[in-house]
Amino acid sequence: LSGLPGGPPPPMPDWAISKAEQIQYSAVFTKLDKNMDGMVTGTDVRDFFIHSNLPQSVLAHIWDLVDLQNTGSLNQ
């Protein structure tokens, strides 16, 4: 009875990405890093996120999950 008190915890999702995906997303990050400082800001990624067609609330939640230090920017 996974996830119930006293039962084993539910399995964690596999968040690993393949080498090909890593290369692909690294290229996207580099393209979005307009001033080439190794960081992207919310302003840098705004248009990219909007083109995902996800609701604003979902995009805000994603940003909150990845901006762990609440700096308004992400590094690679």
PDB file of N, CA and C in Angstrom:
ATOM      1  N   LEU A   1       0.832  -1.173   0.000  1.00  0.00           N
ATOM      2  CA  LEU A   1       0.000   0.000   0.000  1.00  0.00           C
ATOM      3  C   LEU A   1       0.880   1.242   0.000  1.00  0.00           C
ATOM      4  N   SER A   2       1.350   1.525  -1.138  1.00  0.00           N
ATOM      5  CA  SER A   2       2.298   2.614  -1.337  1.00  0.00           C
ATOM      6  C   SER A   2       1.705   3.957  -0.951  1.00  0.00           C
ATOM      7  N   GLY A   3       2.479   4.745  -0.188  1.00  0.00           N
ATOM      8  CA  GLY A   3       2.063   6.092   0.164  1.00  0.00           C
ATOM      9  C   GLY A   3       1.169   6.177   1.391  1.00  0.00           C
ATOM     10  N   LEU A   4       0.719   5.046   1.924  1.00  0.00           N
ATOM     11  CA  LEU A   4      -0.101   5.062   3.128  1.00  0.00           C
ATOM     12  C   LEU A   4       0.803   5.069   4.351  1.00  0.00           C
ATOM     13  N   PRO A   5       0.330   5.619   5.463  1.00  0.00           N
ATOM     14  CA  PRO A   5       1.147   5.605   6.675  1.00  0.00           C
ATOM     15  C   PRO A   5       1.584   4.184   7.006  1.00  0.00           C
ATOM     16  N   GLY A   6       2.872   4.012   7.236  1.00  0.00           N
ATOM     17  CA  GLY A   6       3.405   2.695   7.550  1.00  0.00           C
ATOM     18  C   GLY A   6       3.756   1.878   6.324  1.00  0.00           C
ATOM     19  N   GLY A   7       3.283   2.299   5.158  1.00  0.00           N
ATOM     20  CA  GLY A   7       3.604   1.582   3.928  1.00  0.00           C
ATOM     21  C   GLY A   7       4.848   2.157   3.284  1.00  0.00           C
ATOM     22  N   PRO A   8       5.352   1.502   2.279  1.00  0.00           N
ATOM     23  CA  PRO A   8       6.539   2.033   1.596  1.00  0.00           C
ATOM     24  C   PRO A   8       6.194   3.320   0.849  1.00  0.00           C
ATOM     25  N   PRO A   9       7.159   4.235   0.737  1.00  0.00           N
ATOM     26  CA  PRO A   9       6.884   5.478  -0.001  1.00  0.00           C
ATOM     27  C   PRO A   9       6.682   5.181  -1.484  1.00  0.00           C
ATOM     28  N   PRO A  10       5.941   6.038  -2.170  1.00  0.00           N
ATOM     29  CA  PRO A  10       5.756   5.827  -3.609  1.00  0.00           C
ATOM     30  C   PRO A  10       7.100   5.971  -4.319  1.00  0.00           C
ATOM     31  N   PRO A  11       7.280   5.284  -5.432  1.00  0.00           N
ATOM     32  CA  PRO A  11       8.550   5.392  -6.157  1.00  0.00           C
ATOM     33  C   PRO A  11       8.757   6.806  -6.689  1.00  0.00           C
ATOM     34  N   MET A  12       9.999   7.243  -6.669  1.00  0.00           N
ATOM     35  CA  MET A  12      10.342   8.567  -7.191  1.00  0.00           C
ATOM     36  C   MET A  12      10.411   8.499  -8.714  1.00  0.00           C
ATOM     37  N   PRO A  13       9.953   9.552  -9.392  1.00  0.00           N
ATOM     38  CA  PRO A  13      10.060   9.560 -10.851  1.00  0.00           C
ATOM     39  C   PRO A  13      11.528   9.659 -11.268  1.00  0.00           C
ATOM     40  N   ASP A  14      11.845   9.154 -12.427  1.00  0.00           N
ATOM     41  CA  ASP A  14      13.198   9.228 -12.964  1.00  0.00           C
ATOM     42  C   ASP A  14      13.330  10.542 -13.717  1.00  0.00           C
ATOM     43  N   TRP A  15      14.073  11.504 -13.140  1.00  0.00           N
ATOM     44  CA  TRP A  15      14.215  12.824 -13.730  1.00  0.00           C
ATOM     45  C   TRP A  15      15.437  12.911 -14.631  1.00  0.00           C
ATOM     46  N   ALA A  16      16.172  11.823 -14.778  1.00  0.00           N
ATOM     47  CA  ALA A  16      17.382  11.847 -15.603  1.00  0.00           C
ATOM     48  C   ALA A  16      17.015  12.073 -17.066  1.00  0.00           C
ATOM     49  N   ILE A  17      17.885  12.800 -17.768  1.00  0.00           N
ATOM     50  CA  ILE A  17      17.687  13.010 -19.198  1.00  0.00           C
ATOM     51  C   ILE A  17      18.836  12.351 -19.944  1.00  0.00           C
ATOM     52  N   SER A  18      18.586  11.997 -21.175  1.00  0.00           N
ATOM     53  CA  SER A  18      19.612  11.350 -21.988  1.00  0.00           C
ATOM     54  C   SER A  18      20.677  12.364 -22.401  1.00  0.00           C
ATOM     55  N   LYS A  19      21.808  11.867 -22.862  1.00  0.00           N
ATOM     56  CA  LYS A  19      22.880  12.739 -23.344  1.00  0.00           C
ATOM     57  C   LYS A  19      22.374  13.597 -24.506  1.00  0.00           C
ATOM     58  N   ALA A  20      21.574  13.017 -25.403  1.00  0.00           N
ATOM     59  CA  ALA A  20      21.031  13.773 -26.542  1.00  0.00           C
ATOM     60  C   ALA A  20      20.122  14.903 -26.055  1.00  0.00           C
ATOM     61  N   GLU A  21      19.284  14.615 -25.048  1.00  0.00           N
ATOM     62  CA  GLU A  21      18.416  15.659 -24.490  1.00  0.00           C
ATOM     63  C   GLU A  21      19.244  16.743 -23.810  1.00  0.00           C
ATOM     64  N   GLN A  22      20.298  16.335 -23.113  1.00  0.00           N
ATOM     65  CA  GLN A  22      21.173  17.302 -22.450  1.00  0.00           C
ATOM     66  C   GLN A  22      21.786  18.253 -23.474  1.00  0.00           C
ATOM     67  N   ILE A  23      22.240  17.728 -24.584  1.00  0.00           N
ATOM     68  CA  ILE A  23      22.824  18.557 -25.647  1.00  0.00           C
ATOM     69  C   ILE A  23      21.763  19.490 -26.225  1.00  0.00           C
ATOM     70  N   GLN A  24      20.574  18.956 -26.475  1.00  0.00           N
ATOM     71  CA  GLN A  24      19.475  19.752 -27.037  1.00  0.00           C
ATOM     72  C   GLN A  24      19.109  20.910 -26.109  1.00  0.00           C
ATOM     73  N   TYR A  25      18.904  20.628 -24.834  1.00  0.00           N
ATOM     74  CA  TYR A  25      18.476  21.666 -23.898  1.00  0.00           C
ATOM     75  C   TYR A  25      19.600  22.638 -23.570  1.00  0.00           C
ATOM     76  N   SER A  26      20.831  22.173 -23.642  1.00  0.00           N
ATOM     77  CA  SER A  26      21.970  23.072 -23.451  1.00  0.00           C
ATOM     78  C   SER A  26      22.008  24.109 -24.567  1.00  0.00           C
ATOM     79  N   ALA A  27      21.706  23.672 -25.785  1.00  0.00           N
ATOM     80  CA  ALA A  27      21.668  24.598 -26.921  1.00  0.00           C
ATOM     81  C   ALA A  27      20.545  25.621 -26.744  1.00  0.00           C
ATOM     82  N   VAL A  28      19.397  25.188 -26.232  1.00  0.00           N
ATOM     83  CA  VAL A  28      18.286  26.110 -25.977  1.00  0.00           C
ATOM     84  C   VAL A  28      18.703  27.125 -24.916  1.00  0.00           C
ATOM     85  N   PHE A  29      19.330  26.645 -23.834  1.00  0.00           N
ATOM     86  CA  PHE A  29      19.777  27.545 -22.772  1.00  0.00           C
ATOM     87  C   PHE A  29      20.748  28.575 -23.326  1.00  0.00           C
ATOM     88  N   THR A  30      21.710  28.123 -24.109  1.00  0.00           N
ATOM     89  CA  THR A  30      22.709  29.028 -24.683  1.00  0.00           C
ATOM     90  C   THR A  30      22.043  30.092 -25.546  1.00  0.00           C
ATOM     91  N   LYS A  31      21.046  29.696 -26.324  1.00  0.00           N
ATOM     92  CA  LYS A  31      20.324  30.649 -27.170  1.00  0.00           C
ATOM     93  C   LYS A  31      19.565  31.678 -26.327  1.00  0.00           C
ATOM     94  N   LEU A  32      19.005  31.247 -25.203  1.00  0.00           N
ATOM     95  CA  LEU A  32      18.238  32.146 -24.340  1.00  0.00           C
ATOM     96  C   LEU A  32      19.130  33.046 -23.489  1.00  0.00           C
ATOM     97  N   ASP A  33      20.376  32.649 -23.292  1.00  0.00           N
ATOM     98  CA  ASP A  33      21.330  33.419 -22.479  1.00  0.00           C
ATOM     99  C   ASP A  33      21.857  34.578 -23.316  1.00  0.00           C
ATOM    100  N   LYS A  34      21.049  35.617 -23.428  1.00  0.00           N
ATOM    101  CA  LYS A  34      21.314  36.719 -24.357  1.00  0.00           C
ATOM    102  C   LYS A  34      22.619  37.463 -24.080  1.00  0.00           C
ATOM    103  N   ASN A  35      22.994  37.630 -22.821  1.00  0.00           N
ATOM    104  CA  ASN A  35      24.241  38.346 -22.537  1.00  0.00           C
ATOM    105  C   ASN A  35      25.409  37.399 -22.253  1.00  0.00           C
ATOM    106  N   MET A  36      25.201  36.122 -22.494  1.00  0.00           N
ATOM    107  CA  MET A  36      26.234  35.084 -22.409  1.00  0.00           C
ATOM    108  C   MET A  36      26.988  35.104 -21.077  1.00  0.00           C
ATOM    109  N   ASP A  37      26.230  35.206 -19.971  1.00  0.00           N
ATOM    110  CA  ASP A  37      26.857  35.188 -18.652  1.00  0.00           C
ATOM    111  C   ASP A  37      26.617  33.877 -17.902  1.00  0.00           C
ATOM    112  N   GLY A  38      26.041  32.886 -18.604  1.00  0.00           N
ATOM    113  CA  GLY A  38      25.771  31.603 -17.971  1.00  0.00           C
ATOM    114  C   GLY A  38      24.508  31.591 -17.130  1.00  0.00           C
ATOM    115  N   MET A  39      23.724  32.662 -17.221  1.00  0.00           N
ATOM    116  CA  MET A  39      22.481  32.786 -16.465  1.00  0.00           C
ATOM    117  C   MET A  39      21.370  33.242 -17.410  1.00  0.00           C
ATOM    118  N   VAL A  40      20.161  32.779 -17.131  1.00  0.00           N
ATOM    119  CA  VAL A  40      18.993  33.315 -17.834  1.00  0.00           C
ATOM    120  C   VAL A  40      18.049  33.886 -16.789  1.00  0.00           C
ATOM    121  N   THR A  41      17.452  35.007 -17.120  1.00  0.00           N
ATOM    122  CA  THR A  41      16.489  35.650 -16.228  1.00  0.00           C
ATOM    123  C   THR A  41      15.074  35.342 -16.704  1.00  0.00           C
ATOM    124  N   GLY A  42      14.110  35.701 -15.883  1.00  0.00           N
ATOM    125  CA  GLY A  42      12.719  35.557 -16.291  1.00  0.00           C
ATOM    126  C   GLY A  42      12.437  36.309 -17.576  1.00  0.00           C
ATOM    127  N   THR A  43      13.054  37.472 -17.726  1.00  0.00           N
ATOM    128  CA  THR A  43      12.896  38.262 -18.954  1.00  0.00           C
ATOM    129  C   THR A  43      13.474  37.513 -20.148  1.00  0.00           C
ATOM    130  N   ASP A  44      14.632  36.866 -19.951  1.00  0.00           N
ATOM    131  CA  ASP A  44      15.273  36.118 -21.038  1.00  0.00           C
ATOM    132  C   ASP A  44      14.392  34.979 -21.543  1.00  0.00           C
ATOM    133  N   VAL A  45      13.682  34.306 -20.633  1.00  0.00           N
ATOM    134  CA  VAL A  45      12.928  33.104 -21.004  1.00  0.00           C
ATOM    135  C   VAL A  45      11.439  33.354 -21.208  1.00  0.00           C
ATOM    136  N   ARG A  46      10.990  34.578 -21.000  1.00  0.00           N
ATOM    137  CA  ARG A  46       9.564  34.894 -21.072  1.00  0.00           C
ATOM    138  C   ARG A  46       8.928  34.428 -22.381  1.00  0.00           C
ATOM    139  N   ASP A  47       9.465  34.867 -23.513  1.00  0.00           N
ATOM    140  CA  ASP A  47       8.874  34.504 -24.805  1.00  0.00           C
ATOM    141  C   ASP A  47       8.926  33.000 -25.042  1.00  0.00           C
ATOM    142  N   PHE A  48      10.027  32.369 -24.643  1.00  0.00           N
ATOM    143  CA  PHE A  48      10.162  30.916 -24.785  1.00  0.00           C
ATOM    144  C   PHE A  48       9.057  30.214 -23.995  1.00  0.00           C
ATOM    145  N   PHE A  49       8.833  30.640 -22.759  1.00  0.00           N
ATOM    146  CA  PHE A  49       7.789  30.041 -21.933  1.00  0.00           C
ATOM    147  C   PHE A  49       6.406  30.294 -22.523  1.00  0.00           C
ATOM    148  N   ILE A  50       6.150  31.503 -22.991  1.00  0.00           N
ATOM    149  CA  ILE A  50       4.837  31.836 -23.544  1.00  0.00           C
ATOM    150  C   ILE A  50       4.512  30.944 -24.745  1.00  0.00           C
ATOM    151  N   HIS A  51       5.512  30.639 -25.560  1.00  0.00           N
ATOM    152  CA  HIS A  51       5.289  29.792 -26.733  1.00  0.00           C
ATOM    153  C   HIS A  51       4.975  28.340 -26.365  1.00  0.00           C
ATOM    154  N   SER A  52       5.105  27.989 -25.098  1.00  0.00           N
ATOM    155  CA  SER A  52       4.753  26.634 -24.665  1.00  0.00           C
ATOM    156  C   SER A  52       3.238  26.438 -24.625  1.00  0.00           C
ATOM    157  N   ASN A  53       2.490  27.556 -24.647  1.00  0.00           N
ATOM    158  CA  ASN A  53       1.023  27.541 -24.562  1.00  0.00           C
ATOM    159  C   ASN A  53       0.501  26.985 -23.238  1.00  0.00           C
ATOM    160  N   LEU A  54       1.358  26.942 -22.221  1.00  0.00           N
ATOM    161  CA  LEU A  54       0.895  26.548 -20.894  1.00  0.00           C
ATOM    162  C   LEU A  54       0.248  27.755 -20.221  1.00  0.00           C
ATOM    163  N   PRO A  55      -0.715  27.528 -19.340  1.00  0.00           N
ATOM    164  CA  PRO A  55      -1.333  28.645 -18.624  1.00  0.00           C
ATOM    165  C   PRO A  55      -0.297  29.390 -17.778  1.00  0.00           C
ATOM    166  N   GLN A  56      -0.524  30.679 -17.595  1.00  0.00           N
ATOM    167  CA  GLN A  56       0.385  31.517 -16.810  1.00  0.00           C
ATOM    168  C   GLN A  56       0.622  30.935 -15.422  1.00  0.00           C
ATOM    169  N   SER A  57      -0.424  30.388 -14.809  1.00  0.00           N
ATOM    170  CA  SER A  57      -0.280  29.830 -13.458  1.00  0.00           C
ATOM    171  C   SER A  57       0.677  28.639 -13.443  1.00  0.00           C
ATOM    172  N   VAL A  58       0.643  27.828 -14.490  1.00  0.00           N
ATOM    173  CA  VAL A  58       1.548  26.678 -14.589  1.00  0.00           C
ATOM    174  C   VAL A  58       2.980  27.158 -14.808  1.00  0.00           C
ATOM    175  N   LEU A  59       3.150  28.148 -15.681  1.00  0.00           N
ATOM    176  CA  LEU A  59       4.486  28.695 -15.923  1.00  0.00           C
ATOM    177  C   LEU A  59       5.070  29.292 -14.646  1.00  0.00           C
ATOM    178  N   ALA A  60       4.252  29.991 -13.881  1.00  0.00           N
ATOM    179  CA  ALA A  60       4.719  30.570 -12.618  1.00  0.00           C
ATOM    180  C   ALA A  60       5.131  29.465 -11.647  1.00  0.00           C
ATOM    181  N   HIS A  61       4.375  28.393 -11.617  1.00  0.00           N
ATOM    182  CA  HIS A  61       4.700  27.273 -10.731  1.00  0.00           C
ATOM    183  C   HIS A  61       6.018  26.620 -11.160  1.00  0.00           C
ATOM    184  N   ILE A  62       6.207  26.433 -12.454  1.00  0.00           N
ATOM    185  CA  ILE A  62       7.459  25.865 -12.963  1.00  0.00           C
ATOM    186  C   ILE A  62       8.627  26.751 -12.551  1.00  0.00           C
ATOM    187  N   TRP A  63       8.486  28.053 -12.756  1.00  0.00           N
ATOM    188  CA  TRP A  63       9.574  28.977 -12.396  1.00  0.00           C
ATOM    189  C   TRP A  63       9.879  28.877 -10.904  1.00  0.00           C
ATOM    190  N   ASP A  64       8.843  28.815 -10.072  1.00  0.00           N
ATOM    191  CA  ASP A  64       9.057  28.690  -8.626  1.00  0.00           C
ATOM    192  C   ASP A  64       9.808  27.405  -8.278  1.00  0.00           C
ATOM    193  N   LEU A  65       9.546  26.338  -9.018  1.00  0.00           N
ATOM    194  CA  LEU A  65      10.223  25.066  -8.760  1.00  0.00           C
ATOM    195  C   LEU A  65      11.700  25.101  -9.147  1.00  0.00           C
ATOM    196  N   VAL A  66      12.032  25.812 -10.210  1.00  0.00           N
ATOM    197  CA  VAL A  66      13.422  25.800 -10.687  1.00  0.00           C
ATOM    198  C   VAL A  66      14.263  26.945 -10.144  1.00  0.00           C
ATOM    199  N   ASP A  67      13.642  28.031  -9.727  1.00  0.00           N
ATOM    200  CA  ASP A  67      14.389  29.161  -9.154  1.00  0.00           C
ATOM    201  C   ASP A  67      14.481  28.949  -7.642  1.00  0.00           C
ATOM    202  N   LEU A  68      15.283  27.964  -7.243  1.00  0.00           N
ATOM    203  CA  LEU A  68      15.347  27.541  -5.846  1.00  0.00           C
ATOM    204  C   LEU A  68      15.850  28.627  -4.906  1.00  0.00           C
ATOM    205  N   GLN A  69      16.723  29.501  -5.391  1.00  0.00           N
ATOM    206  CA  GLN A  69      17.290  30.548  -4.549  1.00  0.00           C
ATOM    207  C   GLN A  69      16.483  31.851  -4.609  1.00  0.00           C
ATOM    208  N   ASN A  70      15.405  31.851  -5.383  1.00  0.00           N
ATOM    209  CA  ASN A  70      14.567  33.049  -5.557  1.00  0.00           C
ATOM    210  C   ASN A  70      15.372  34.255  -6.025  1.00  0.00           C
ATOM    211  N   THR A  71      16.264  34.012  -6.987  1.00  0.00           N
ATOM    212  CA  THR A  71      17.101  35.088  -7.518  1.00  0.00           C
ATOM    213  C   THR A  71      16.522  35.708  -8.775  1.00  0.00           C
ATOM    214  N   GLY A  72      15.500  35.067  -9.349  1.00  0.00           N
ATOM    215  CA  GLY A  72      14.946  35.564 -10.605  1.00  0.00           C
ATOM    216  C   GLY A  72      15.780  35.163 -11.799  1.00  0.00           C
ATOM    217  N   SER A  73      16.738  34.257 -11.585  1.00  0.00           N
ATOM    218  CA  SER A  73      17.571  33.788 -12.692  1.00  0.00           C
ATOM    219  C   SER A  73      17.945  32.326 -12.466  1.00  0.00           C
ATOM    220  N   LEU A  74      18.327  31.684 -13.555  1.00  0.00           N
ATOM    221  CA  LEU A  74      18.722  30.276 -13.517  1.00  0.00           C
ATOM    222  C   LEU A  74      20.076  30.121 -14.178  1.00  0.00           C
ATOM    223  N   ASN A  75      20.878  29.214 -13.642  1.00  0.00           N
ATOM    224  CA  ASN A  75      22.111  28.880 -14.348  1.00  0.00           C
ATOM    225  C   ASN A  75      21.940  27.515 -14.990  1.00  0.00           C
ATOM    226  N   GLN A  76      22.888  27.159 -15.807  1.00  0.00           N
ATOM    227  CA  GLN A  76      22.775  25.897 -16.523  1.00  0.00           C
ATOM    228  C   GLN A  76      23.164  24.772 -15.602  1.00  0.00           C
TER     229      GLN A  76
END
